[in-house]
């Protein structure tokens, strides 16, 4: 269930206030979307640090939170990875970073929170055999991993 569904008397502004409190406490928040076809998650609040928001598709809520929190912390310590770069997410898999073509179509709460255009990077992960979703042999059980942008040349 979503927060607004669990709090039927609340408004979207109430939820933005909840996100704002989380961003003030931790520097960012993680928003999970339980889509019927492919779940995804993204950060809210990295825009305020002059960093792109981060997102990941096709993973559970717990795994998404671990991956996004680790990479958000890393991007604030150093810098956001450039599109096309590959690196191991702290405590996680090897990821390639792809610029999201239309963050406004997917990261709704991040856009509402920022009140402006945002940039976003998708953390694209390889399957257990090191194959990427753009490979015909990519297979991670039943998980799909849509890639929401065009790959950049390797950084």
Protein backbone atom coordinates (compact mmCIF):
# COMPACT_ATOMS: atom_id res chain seq x y z
CA UNK A 1 0.00 0.00 0.00
CA UNK A 2 1.08 3.56 -0.57
CA UNK A 3 1.29 6.22 2.13
CA UNK A 4 -1.66 8.15 0.74
CA UNK A 5 -3.73 4.93 0.64
CA UNK A 6 -2.82 4.23 4.26
CA UNK A 7 -3.74 7.82 5.25
CA UNK A 8 -6.96 8.51 3.29
CA UNK A 9 -7.64 11.81 5.08
CA UNK A 10 -4.22 13.17 4.04
CA UNK A 11 -3.24 15.21 1.01
CA UNK A 12 -0.33 15.12 -1.40
CA UNK A 13 1.12 18.10 0.49
CA UNK A 14 1.00 16.03 3.70
CA UNK A 15 3.08 13.37 1.97
CA UNK A 16 5.52 15.97 0.64
CA UNK A 17 5.89 17.12 4.25
CA UNK A 18 6.70 13.52 5.27
CA UNK A 19 9.30 13.30 2.49
CA UNK A 20 10.71 16.70 3.53
CA UNK A 21 11.18 15.51 7.11
CA UNK A 22 13.02 12.41 5.85
CA UNK A 23 15.23 14.54 3.58
CA UNK A 24 16.07 16.90 6.46
CA UNK A 25 16.90 13.92 8.70
CA UNK A 26 18.96 11.86 6.21
CA UNK A 27 19.81 14.13 3.26
CA UNK A 28 17.46 12.23 0.93
CA UNK A 29 14.53 9.81 0.97
CA UNK A 30 13.83 6.64 -1.02
CA UNK A 31 10.48 6.29 -2.78
CA UNK A 32 9.44 2.75 -3.80
CA UNK A 33 6.79 2.17 -6.48
CA UNK A 34 5.14 -1.25 -6.50
CA UNK A 35 4.25 -1.33 -10.19
CA UNK A 36 2.29 -4.38 -11.34
CA UNK A 37 4.82 -5.12 -14.12
CA UNK A 38 8.14 -3.87 -12.80
CA UNK A 39 8.72 -2.28 -9.41
CA UNK A 40 11.14 0.62 -9.18
CA UNK A 41 12.54 3.02 -6.62
CA UNK A 42 14.23 6.40 -6.64
CA UNK A 43 15.73 9.00 -4.38
CA UNK A 44 14.08 12.27 -3.43
CA UNK A 45 16.20 15.21 -2.30
CA UNK A 46 19.62 14.70 -3.96
CA UNK A 47 18.67 17.55 -6.30
CA UNK A 48 19.09 19.90 -3.31
CA UNK A 49 22.73 18.75 -3.08
CA UNK A 50 23.27 19.51 -6.79
CA UNK A 51 23.33 15.79 -7.59
CA UNK A 52 21.11 13.81 -9.94
CA UNK A 53 18.43 11.69 -8.31
CA UNK A 54 19.13 7.96 -8.50
CA UNK A 55 16.78 5.16 -9.48
CA UNK A 56 16.76 1.39 -9.85
CA UNK A 57 14.22 -0.92 -11.50
CA UNK A 58 13.27 -4.55 -11.02
CA UNK A 59 14.33 -5.10 -7.40
CA UNK A 60 12.52 -5.57 -4.11
CA UNK A 61 11.82 -2.64 -1.80
CA UNK A 62 14.49 -3.78 0.68
CA UNK A 63 17.15 -4.23 -2.00
CA UNK A 64 16.24 -0.93 -3.66
CA UNK A 65 16.62 0.89 -0.33
CA UNK A 66 20.03 -0.72 0.30
CA UNK A 67 21.33 0.10 -3.20
CA UNK A 68 19.98 3.64 -3.36
CA UNK A 69 21.02 4.57 0.18
CA UNK A 70 24.55 3.26 -0.39
CA UNK A 71 24.96 5.05 -3.72
CA UNK A 72 23.34 8.28 -2.50
CA UNK A 73 25.75 8.41 0.44
CA UNK A 74 28.67 7.69 -1.90
CA UNK A 75 27.60 10.40 -4.37
CA UNK A 76 27.45 12.95 -1.54
CA UNK A 77 30.90 11.90 -0.28
CA UNK A 78 32.52 12.09 -3.71
CA UNK A 79 30.49 13.02 -6.79
CA UNK A 80 27.72 11.49 -8.84
CA UNK A 81 29.04 8.92 -11.29
CA UNK A 82 28.96 10.13 -14.89
CA UNK A 83 26.59 8.41 -17.32
CA UNK A 84 28.28 5.40 -18.89
CA UNK A 85 30.45 4.67 -15.88
CA UNK A 86 30.46 1.28 -14.21
CA UNK A 87 31.20 0.79 -10.57
CA UNK A 88 30.41 -1.55 -7.77
CA UNK A 89 27.73 -0.09 -5.53
CA UNK A 90 29.04 -0.18 -1.93
CA UNK A 91 27.83 -3.51 -0.56
CA UNK A 92 26.05 -4.28 -3.82
CA UNK A 93 26.40 -5.31 -7.45
CA UNK A 94 28.30 -3.86 -10.36
CA UNK A 95 26.15 -1.11 -11.88
CA UNK A 96 26.26 0.97 -15.01
CA UNK A 97 24.80 4.46 -14.76
CA UNK A 98 22.37 5.56 -17.47
CA UNK A 99 20.91 9.07 -17.75
CA UNK A 100 17.12 8.80 -17.41
CA UNK A 101 15.50 10.35 -20.50
CA UNK A 102 12.35 11.67 -18.81
CA UNK A 103 12.71 11.80 -15.02
CA UNK A 104 9.45 13.75 -14.86
CA UNK A 105 7.61 10.67 -16.17
CA UNK A 106 8.95 8.31 -13.49
CA UNK A 107 10.20 10.25 -10.45
CA UNK A 108 6.98 12.11 -9.70
CA UNK A 109 7.61 12.79 -6.00
CA UNK A 110 11.20 13.90 -6.64
CA UNK A 111 9.95 16.41 -9.23
CA UNK A 112 7.21 17.69 -6.88
CA UNK A 113 9.72 17.95 -4.04
CA UNK A 114 12.33 19.81 -6.12
CA UNK A 115 9.72 22.09 -7.70
CA UNK A 116 11.92 22.20 -10.79
CA UNK A 117 13.37 20.05 -13.50
CA UNK A 118 15.65 17.33 -12.19
CA UNK A 119 18.27 15.00 -13.58
CA UNK A 120 18.31 11.31 -12.77
CA UNK A 121 20.66 8.39 -13.20
CA UNK A 122 19.46 4.80 -13.34
CA UNK A 123 21.63 2.22 -11.65
CA UNK A 124 21.43 -0.64 -14.16
CA UNK A 125 22.56 -3.96 -12.67
CA UNK A 126 23.99 -7.09 -14.26
CA UNK A 127 22.41 -10.49 -13.65
CA UNK A 128 24.13 -13.20 -11.62
CA UNK A 129 26.24 -14.15 -14.65
CA UNK A 130 27.43 -10.60 -15.34
CA UNK A 131 25.04 -10.03 -18.27
CA UNK A 132 23.40 -6.64 -18.73
CA UNK A 133 19.72 -6.09 -19.61
CA UNK A 134 20.61 -4.97 -23.14
CA UNK A 135 22.03 -8.47 -23.74
CA UNK A 136 19.69 -11.07 -25.25
CA UNK A 137 20.97 -13.56 -22.67
CA UNK A 138 20.13 -11.36 -19.65
CA UNK A 139 18.17 -13.43 -17.17
CA UNK A 140 17.46 -12.86 -13.53
CA UNK A 141 14.64 -15.27 -12.89
CA UNK A 142 11.33 -13.48 -13.28
CA UNK A 143 12.74 -9.96 -12.84
CA UNK A 144 12.53 -7.45 -15.67
CA UNK A 145 14.80 -4.44 -15.74
CA UNK A 146 13.62 -1.75 -18.13
CA UNK A 147 16.34 0.77 -18.94
CA UNK A 148 14.87 4.27 -19.02
CA UNK A 149 17.49 6.05 -21.09
CA UNK A 150 20.15 5.56 -23.73
CA UNK A 151 23.50 4.18 -22.73
CA UNK A 152 26.34 6.68 -22.85
CA UNK A 153 29.80 5.78 -24.07
CA UNK A 154 31.90 4.31 -21.26
CA UNK A 155 33.24 7.02 -19.00
